C-alpha atoms as a PDB file:
ATOM      1  CA  UNK A   1       2.452  15.152 -14.108  1.00  0.00           C
ATOM      2  CA  UNK A   2      -0.355  14.463 -16.543  1.00  0.00           C
ATOM      3  CA  UNK A   3      -3.029  12.929 -14.243  1.00  0.00           C
ATOM      4  CA  UNK A   4      -6.789  12.427 -15.121  1.00  0.00           C
ATOM      5  CA  UNK A   5      -9.106  12.391 -12.102  1.00  0.00           C
ATOM      6  CA  UNK A   6     -12.489  10.668 -12.125  1.00  0.00           C
ATOM      7  CA  UNK A   7     -15.621  12.098 -10.392  1.00  0.00           C
ATOM      8  CA  UNK A   8     -16.528  11.071  -6.917  1.00  0.00           C
ATOM      9  CA  UNK A   9     -18.596   8.115  -6.403  1.00  0.00           C
ATOM     10  CA  UNK A  10     -20.150   6.180  -3.464  1.00  0.00           C
ATOM     11  CA  UNK A  11     -18.645   3.048  -2.265  1.00  0.00           C
ATOM     12  CA  UNK A  12     -20.707   0.884   0.093  1.00  0.00           C
ATOM     13  CA  UNK A  13     -18.633  -1.994   1.372  1.00  0.00           C
ATOM     14  CA  UNK A  14     -18.450  -4.540   4.019  1.00  0.00           C
ATOM     15  CA  UNK A  15     -16.280  -2.107   6.036  1.00  0.00           C
ATOM     16  CA  UNK A  16     -18.711   0.778   5.635  1.00  0.00           C
ATOM     17  CA  UNK A  17     -19.826   3.674   3.255  1.00  0.00           C
ATOM     18  CA  UNK A  18     -16.984   5.363   1.610  1.00  0.00           C
ATOM     19  CA  UNK A  19     -16.314   7.803  -1.227  1.00  0.00           C
ATOM     20  CA  UNK A  20     -14.000   6.785  -3.930  1.00  0.00           C
ATOM     21  CA  UNK A  21     -11.947   8.605  -6.535  1.00  0.00           C
ATOM     22  CA  UNK A  22      -9.609   7.349  -9.169  1.00  0.00           C
ATOM     23  CA  UNK A  23      -6.290   9.135 -10.288  1.00  0.00           C
ATOM     24  CA  UNK A  24      -5.018   7.765 -13.810  1.00  0.00           C
ATOM     25  CA  UNK A  25      -1.239   8.297 -14.280  1.00  0.00           C
ATOM     26  CA  UNK A  26      -0.286   6.895 -17.498  1.00  0.00           C
ATOM     27  CA  UNK A  27      -1.363   3.318 -17.646  1.00  0.00           C
ATOM     28  CA  UNK A  28      -1.736   3.137 -13.983  1.00  0.00           C
ATOM     29  CA  UNK A  29      -5.214   3.844 -12.346  1.00  0.00           C
ATOM     30  CA  UNK A  30      -4.707   4.453  -8.668  1.00  0.00           C
ATOM     31  CA  UNK A  31      -7.834   4.579  -6.174  1.00  0.00           C
ATOM     32  CA  UNK A  32      -8.523   6.652  -3.063  1.00  0.00           C
ATOM     33  CA  UNK A  33     -11.129   5.242  -0.622  1.00  0.00           C
ATOM     34  CA  UNK A  34     -12.005   7.750   1.922  1.00  0.00           C
ATOM     35  CA  UNK A  35     -14.610   8.915   4.212  1.00  0.00           C
ATOM     36  CA  UNK A  36     -16.610  11.933   3.054  1.00  0.00           C
ATOM     37  CA  UNK A  37     -15.859  13.992   6.156  1.00  0.00           C
ATOM     38  CA  UNK A  38     -12.081  13.318   6.726  1.00  0.00           C
ATOM     39  CA  UNK A  39     -10.455  13.926  10.277  1.00  0.00           C
ATOM     40  CA  UNK A  40      -8.491  17.009  10.643  1.00  0.00           C
ATOM     41  CA  UNK A  41      -5.314  15.017  10.624  1.00  0.00           C
ATOM     42  CA  UNK A  42      -6.448  11.831   8.945  1.00  0.00           C
ATOM     43  CA  UNK A  43      -4.988   8.442   9.229  1.00  0.00           C
ATOM     44  CA  UNK A  44      -3.781   7.631   5.737  1.00  0.00           C
ATOM     45  CA  UNK A  45      -2.740   4.105   4.454  1.00  0.00           C
ATOM     46  CA  UNK A  46      -0.659   4.064   1.425  1.00  0.00           C
ATOM     47  CA  UNK A  47      -1.303   0.538   0.028  1.00  0.00           C
ATOM     48  CA  UNK A  48       0.495  -0.963  -2.969  1.00  0.00           C
ATOM     49  CA  UNK A  49      -1.707  -3.516  -5.022  1.00  0.00           C
ATOM     50  CA  UNK A  50      -1.275  -7.110  -4.159  1.00  0.00           C
ATOM     51  CA  UNK A  51      -3.729  -9.159  -6.153  1.00  0.00           C
ATOM     52  CA  UNK A  52      -2.855 -12.278  -4.497  1.00  0.00           C
ATOM     53  CA  UNK A  53      -3.197 -11.117  -1.077  1.00  0.00           C
ATOM     54  CA  UNK A  54      -5.743  -8.413  -1.445  1.00  0.00           C
ATOM     55  CA  UNK A  55      -8.363 -10.526  -3.541  1.00  0.00           C
ATOM     56  CA  UNK A  56      -7.282 -14.097  -3.156  1.00  0.00           C
ATOM     57  CA  UNK A  57      -6.078 -14.055   0.534  1.00  0.00           C
ATOM     58  CA  UNK A  58      -2.573 -15.490  -0.022  1.00  0.00           C
ATOM     59  CA  UNK A  59      -0.840 -16.362   3.289  1.00  0.00           C
ATOM     60  CA  UNK A  60       2.728 -15.643   1.678  1.00  0.00           C
ATOM     61  CA  UNK A  61       2.327 -12.062   2.524  1.00  0.00           C
ATOM     62  CA  UNK A  62       0.462  -9.796   4.993  1.00  0.00           C
ATOM     63  CA  UNK A  63      -1.070  -7.458   2.264  1.00  0.00           C
ATOM     64  CA  UNK A  64      -4.552  -8.395   2.450  1.00  0.00           C
ATOM     65  CA  UNK A  65      -4.678  -8.404   6.162  1.00  0.00           C
ATOM     66  CA  UNK A  66      -3.139  -4.969   6.118  1.00  0.00           C
ATOM     67  CA  UNK A  67      -5.646  -3.679   3.523  1.00  0.00           C
ATOM     68  CA  UNK A  68      -8.668  -4.956   5.567  1.00  0.00           C
ATOM     69  CA  UNK A  69      -7.138  -3.335   8.792  1.00  0.00           C
ATOM     70  CA  UNK A  70      -6.549  -0.084   6.881  1.00  0.00           C
ATOM     71  CA  UNK A  71     -10.285  -0.065   5.647  1.00  0.00           C
ATOM     72  CA  UNK A  72     -11.670  -0.770   8.992  1.00  0.00           C
ATOM     73  CA  UNK A  73      -9.401   2.147  10.586  1.00  0.00           C
ATOM     74  CA  UNK A  74     -10.565   4.502   7.617  1.00  0.00           C
ATOM     75  CA  UNK A  75     -14.143   3.714   8.424  1.00  0.00           C
ATOM     76  CA  UNK A  76     -13.570   4.156  12.153  1.00  0.00           C
ATOM     77  CA  UNK A  77     -11.515   7.344  12.195  1.00  0.00           C
ATOM     78  CA  UNK A  78     -12.591   9.248   9.010  1.00  0.00           C
ATOM     79  CA  UNK A  79      -9.497   8.297   7.329  1.00  0.00           C
ATOM     80  CA  UNK A  80      -8.296   7.378   3.804  1.00  0.00           C
ATOM     81  CA  UNK A  81      -6.666   4.457   1.883  1.00  0.00           C
ATOM     82  CA  UNK A  82      -4.582   5.317  -1.122  1.00  0.00           C
ATOM     83  CA  UNK A  83      -4.423   2.283  -3.130  1.00  0.00           C
ATOM     84  CA  UNK A  84      -1.423   2.272  -5.581  1.00  0.00           C
ATOM     85  CA  UNK A  85      -1.387   0.148  -8.624  1.00  0.00           C
ATOM     86  CA  UNK A  86       2.198  -1.072  -8.063  1.00  0.00           C
ATOM     87  CA  UNK A  87       1.764  -4.824  -7.941  1.00  0.00           C
ATOM     88  CA  UNK A  88       4.583  -6.981  -6.734  1.00  0.00           C
ATOM     89  CA  UNK A  89       6.509  -4.045  -5.607  1.00  0.00           C
ATOM     90  CA  UNK A  90       6.101  -2.535  -9.034  1.00  0.00           C
ATOM     91  CA  UNK A  91       7.251  -5.357 -11.032  1.00  0.00           C
ATOM     92  CA  UNK A  92       3.936  -6.419 -12.248  1.00  0.00           C
ATOM     93  CA  UNK A  93       1.843  -9.644 -11.806  1.00  0.00           C
ATOM     94  CA  UNK A  94       3.769 -11.892 -14.230  1.00  0.00           C
ATOM     95  CA  UNK A  95       7.241 -11.159 -12.593  1.00  0.00           C
ATOM     96  CA  UNK A  96       5.732 -11.422  -9.099  1.00  0.00           C
ATOM     97  CA  UNK A  97       4.503 -14.884  -9.965  1.00  0.00           C
ATOM     98  CA  UNK A  98       7.842 -15.722 -11.268  1.00  0.00           C
ATOM     99  CA  UNK A  99       9.279 -14.326  -8.093  1.00  0.00           C
ATOM    100  CA  UNK A 100       7.030 -16.600  -6.100  1.00  0.00           C
ATOM    101  CA  UNK A 101       8.291 -19.673  -8.318  1.00  0.00           C
ATOM    102  CA  UNK A 102      11.749 -18.699  -7.291  1.00  0.00           C
ATOM    103  CA  UNK A 103      10.798 -18.394  -3.596  1.00  0.00           C
ATOM    104  CA  UNK A 104       9.338 -21.831  -3.857  1.00  0.00           C
ATOM    105  CA  UNK A 105      12.931 -23.048  -4.799  1.00  0.00           C
ATOM    106  CA  UNK A 106      14.347 -21.330  -1.610  1.00  0.00           C
ATOM    107  CA  UNK A 107      15.262 -17.846  -2.574  1.00  0.00           C
ATOM    108  CA  UNK A 108      13.945 -15.017  -0.378  1.00  0.00           C
ATOM    109  CA  UNK A 109      11.909 -12.237  -1.795  1.00  0.00           C
ATOM    110  CA  UNK A 110      14.726  -9.891  -2.272  1.00  0.00           C
ATOM    111  CA  UNK A 111      16.949 -12.651  -3.941  1.00  0.00           C
ATOM    112  CA  UNK A 112      14.040 -13.534  -6.152  1.00  0.00           C
ATOM    113  CA  UNK A 113      13.503  -9.879  -7.452  1.00  0.00           C
ATOM    114  CA  UNK A 114      17.400  -9.658  -8.159  1.00  0.00           C
ATOM    115  CA  UNK A 115      17.189 -12.937 -10.044  1.00  0.00           C
ATOM    116  CA  UNK A 116      14.645 -11.417 -12.316  1.00  0.00           C
ATOM    117  CA  UNK A 117      16.704  -8.109 -12.800  1.00  0.00           C
ATOM    118  CA  UNK A 118      14.696  -5.929 -10.383  1.00  0.00           C
ATOM    119  CA  UNK A 119      15.740  -4.033  -7.185  1.00  0.00           C
ATOM    120  CA  UNK A 120      14.299  -5.396  -3.939  1.00  0.00           C
ATOM    121  CA  UNK A 121      11.612  -2.749  -4.257  1.00  0.00           C
ATOM    122  CA  UNK A 122      10.669  -0.962  -7.504  1.00  0.00           C
ATOM    123  CA  UNK A 123       7.822   1.165  -6.035  1.00  0.00           C
ATOM    124  CA  UNK A 124       7.615   4.966  -6.130  1.00  0.00           C
ATOM    125  CA  UNK A 125       5.491   7.326  -4.096  1.00  0.00           C
ATOM    126  CA  UNK A 126       5.192  10.644  -6.060  1.00  0.00           C
ATOM    127  CA  UNK A 127       1.407   9.915  -6.411  1.00  0.00           C
ATOM    128  CA  UNK A 128       0.877  10.025  -2.899  1.00  0.00           C
ATOM    129  CA  UNK A 129       1.875  13.546  -2.390  1.00  0.00           C
ATOM    130  CA  UNK A 130      -0.079  14.511  -5.559  1.00  0.00           C
ATOM    131  CA  UNK A 131      -3.200  12.944  -4.052  1.00  0.00           C
ATOM    132  CA  UNK A 132      -2.746  14.536  -0.559  1.00  0.00           C
ATOM    133  CA  UNK A 133      -2.499  17.912  -2.291  1.00  0.00           C
ATOM    134  CA  UNK A 134      -5.457  17.273  -4.433  1.00  0.00           C
ATOM    135  CA  UNK A 135      -7.555  16.634  -1.123  1.00  0.00           C
ATOM    136  CA  UNK A 136      -5.911  19.647   0.396  1.00  0.00           C
ATOM    137  CA  UNK A 137      -4.408  17.744   3.249  1.00  0.00           C
ATOM    138  CA  UNK A 138      -1.477  19.182   4.912  1.00  0.00           C
ATOM    139  CA  UNK A 139      -0.953  16.690   7.824  1.00  0.00           C
ATOM    140  CA  UNK A 140      -1.417  13.116   8.221  1.00  0.00           C
ATOM    141  CA  UNK A 141      -1.061  10.182  10.517  1.00  0.00           C
ATOM    142  CA  UNK A 142       0.678   7.571   8.383  1.00  0.00           C
ATOM    143  CA  UNK A 143      -0.357   4.017   8.730  1.00  0.00           C
ATOM    144  CA  UNK A 144       2.861   2.070   7.769  1.00  0.00           C
ATOM    145  CA  UNK A 145       5.818   0.022   8.817  1.00  0.00           C
ATOM    146  CA  UNK A 146       7.849   0.974   5.510  1.00  0.00           C
ATOM    147  CA  UNK A 147      10.373   3.731   6.101  1.00  0.00           C
ATOM    148  CA  UNK A 148      10.618   4.446   2.360  1.00  0.00           C
ATOM    149  CA  UNK A 149       6.913   5.604   2.417  1.00  0.00           C
ATOM    150  CA  UNK A 150       7.746   7.995   5.315  1.00  0.00           C
ATOM    151  CA  UNK A 151      10.668   9.618   3.419  1.00  0.00           C
ATOM    152  CA  UNK A 152       8.982   9.743   0.170  1.00  0.00           C
ATOM    153  CA  UNK A 153       5.984  11.909   1.219  1.00  0.00           C
ATOM    154  CA  UNK A 154       6.792  15.629   0.619  1.00  0.00           C
ATOM    155  CA  UNK A 155       4.957  18.804   1.393  1.00  0.00           C
ATOM    156  CA  UNK A 156       2.848  17.088   3.860  1.00  0.00           C
ATOM    157  CA  UNK A 157       3.581  16.736   7.522  1.00  0.00           C
ATOM    158  CA  UNK A 158       3.580  13.268   8.962  1.00  0.00           C
ATOM    159  CA  UNK A 159       2.548  14.074  12.597  1.00  0.00           C
ATOM    160  CA  UNK A 160       2.468  10.374  13.634  1.00  0.00           C
ATOM    161  CA  UNK A 161       3.426   6.878  12.204  1.00  0.00           C
ATOM    162  CA  UNK A 162       1.055   4.183  13.194  1.00  0.00           C
ATOM    163  CA  UNK A 163       2.362   0.643  12.888  1.00  0.00           C
ATOM    164  CA  UNK A 164       0.215  -1.888  10.995  1.00  0.00           C
ATOM    165  CA  UNK A 165       1.499  -5.298  12.198  1.00  0.00           C
ATOM    166  CA  UNK A 166      -0.177  -8.323  11.337  1.00  0.00           C
ATOM    167  CA  UNK A 167       0.433 -11.800  13.009  1.00  0.00           C
ATOM    168  CA  UNK A 168       2.714 -13.990  10.955  1.00  0.00           C
ATOM    169  CA  UNK A 169       1.925 -17.436   9.944  1.00  0.00           C
ATOM    170  CA  UNK A 170       4.035 -20.467   8.599  1.00  0.00           C
ATOM    171  CA  UNK A 171       3.820 -19.204   4.941  1.00  0.00           C
ATOM    172  CA  UNK A 172       4.952 -15.549   5.612  1.00  0.00           C
ATOM    173  CA  UNK A 173       7.199 -15.856   8.764  1.00  0.00           C
ATOM    174  CA  UNK A 174      10.432 -15.704   6.718  1.00  0.00           C
ATOM    175  CA  UNK A 175       9.098 -13.014   4.224  1.00  0.00           C
ATOM    176  CA  UNK A 176       8.280 -10.881   7.090  1.00  0.00           C
ATOM    177  CA  UNK A 177      11.681 -11.421   8.701  1.00  0.00           C
ATOM    178  CA  UNK A 178      13.245 -10.311   5.491  1.00  0.00           C
ATOM    179  CA  UNK A 179      11.196  -7.193   5.315  1.00  0.00           C
ATOM    180  CA  UNK A 180      12.356  -6.376   8.982  1.00  0.00           C
ATOM    181  CA  UNK A 181      15.881  -7.401   8.728  1.00  0.00           C
ATOM    182  CA  UNK A 182      16.986  -6.486   5.108  1.00  0.00           C
ATOM    183  CA  UNK A 183      14.458  -3.898   4.038  1.00  0.00           C
ATOM    184  CA  UNK A 184      14.231  -1.937   7.513  1.00  0.00           C
ATOM    185  CA  UNK A 185      10.600  -2.326   7.841  1.00  0.00           C
ATOM    186  CA  UNK A 186       9.523  -1.298  11.393  1.00  0.00           C
ATOM    187  CA  UNK A 187       7.915  -4.670  12.324  1.00  0.00           C
END
């Protein structure tokens, strides 16, 4: 893997004071937000980019709420958030919006991705292991509902899975149901 790594910078935020480091993998630039002194077995959230949820507060998903929760938890527990640039389950913003349009016509999230020629989830997580090795982290508590994330992390012991369950709303109830029933998320 040919990865460029930034220097460490301070990031004061509404959640508290963090350190940040960027990892450039080809055209994708991932961000790691962490406390300067990590817990011995830190709580780690692997969060895939969701511009509509993270920045705009979309109610079609639970991504923005999960990110906020993860950053609060990282602050409180000396943990880490690994922010992967994998917009729209790694189909990109343009295709994600096209999938939204198909969902507006009655398709679910998986059906919309398939209609556009993609798998239900195109994300990969090799970068997570690379980042954890970079920080010399050997054991983590993983903040996730996604079994694919659990299976994908290698050479690092996941001593505990911590659920990250947000309350549903009228706009994301069906979406969350598909994640649970068809994608195996532990919701």
